[in-house]
Structure formats: structure tokens, C-alpha cells
């Protein structure tokens, strides 16, 4: 199942992408006298209702995707957890050791932006960089889970661009300021349920800048798998439905190139992950 969120009278509403168009789930629920989802994080328990809507909603609840203003595919995560240096070749190009435990940092909801929206580079910092990543959305509360069971807690996956400002990122030992500028986490259009994705460690991912491919790799190169990341995080904190985990970027970032021509206004970055679609954003 592919899910997107579209804007309707100031709210983000979930829609199910089908051959006939986008099923307006909240409108269908309201017409049946039921509570709408709105921006409440979706859980695995909600899949029953979502499948019912996909099968039973009449044409009056079907919208044209091209007419919609599409927001972030996970609109209000309680946590955005990011994993650094999680691809072997990226750690090497960054001049850093391959980590023995996951390197964790955070972003916040201010980094989310509507799908396809322009991204302002801002008035602070200068060394702006792209990072294609696989996003993982939690679907069930989990704590102290083992890697063998961890994927049972995943709702689905999405494309992410962990935009970074390197001079802000490395001005202290904490990466936060270089990672959490406004609109610095464009996501793909769709949240794709895990059953449609299969093994998250067998997905190709790619990033292009102004039409030139810069990153071209596979999630098989991850140091820590999605399951291992969830196991580690859940030992330290409770993960909730809607929590977003960004799992690291492969080699090919500007920071690792001999000639560092940082992102500038007018540049167009496209990030894509196999089976999940893409995100295309112009820098301003």
C-alpha cells in the first residue's frame, strides 16, 4: 500500500494511492460516522481500516493525485532519529572510522517540507550538501526488541534527503545545528507499507545533482541493518508509531569529493530509493 498526505483546508489528510486515484480516507471515515485519522500517526493496527477504505470507498472519495498539494509522507513524528556514517564507503570518504555502534543524532519537525517544495538554504552556513537515505517509519510501540523481531514493528519506508550544512555540522562535536535547518529533510511522496518493499537491505538508492548522478549504491552496504538499528534504539528509548528513522547515506556526498562545490540556489537535487519513488527539490 502507498500512502500520501495532502493538504485540505489547512490540515494534512491521509490518502491511499490506487489505480483509480487517491482515496480520501478521512472523508470516507467521516461519511460513515467514524473518527478521521487527520495527522495522527498511523499504526500497524490501522491497516485494517486502510485496506477497508481502499476496497470500499466509492468514486466520490477518489481524488486526482496531480491536483493535490502533497505534504510530508509522515507528517508529525514524535521523533526523527538519524544514523550517521552507516555506509562503509561513506565513512571512508568522510575520513572517519567505520563505527562499532550506531551514531545517532536528531532532526526536528521544522525540517519537514511539502513534497517537491523549494528548500531555502538560509542565511547561516555555506557548505550545503545532499544525502540520499532510506527512511523507516515505526508502526507499533516497541521497547527492548531484538533484531530478529525488529521489522515486525515497521509500518513502512520512504525516501529521505538528509540535507546538511557541513560548516555548521562540524563547528562543534554535536552535529545538530548543521542538520536541523528549516526544510532540511525533504521526503518522498509516498509512505510505502513494508509488505510492498520486502527486504530493506536489498534496495538501490541514488542521488543526482542537476541531472548528474552523484550517489549510486545499495542498502546492502549499511554497517548496521534496519533491524539492528531498531534493536539498538529500542534499548535506549521507546519507539512510537510514526517515529521516523533515517538510516544513513552512501558515498558520493560533496563533502567527500576532491573539489567541493557546495549546493547553491538554483541547484536541483533528486533522491530516489528503489520501490519508494523520489523527492525532487530546488534549492533557493
Foldseek 3Di string as FASTA:
>chain_A
DKWFWFDDPRFTFIWDQDPVATFRLQVVQVVVVHHGCTLPFAAPVCVVSVVCSVPDPDPVRGDHPVVTFTWARNQAAPFEKEWELFFPQACVLLVHDRDPATDIDGEHNQQTGTFAEAAEPDDDADFKKKFKWKKWFFRAKFAQDALVCQCVRTFFIWIKIQIFRVVCQVPDPHRHVGRHDGNRIYIFRIGDGDVQVDAQQAKWKWKDKPRHTQDTGTSVRTNAGPSRVSNVVRHPDIGHGSHMYTYYGHPRMLSSDPDRPHDDAQMWMWIDMPPHGIGIYGYD
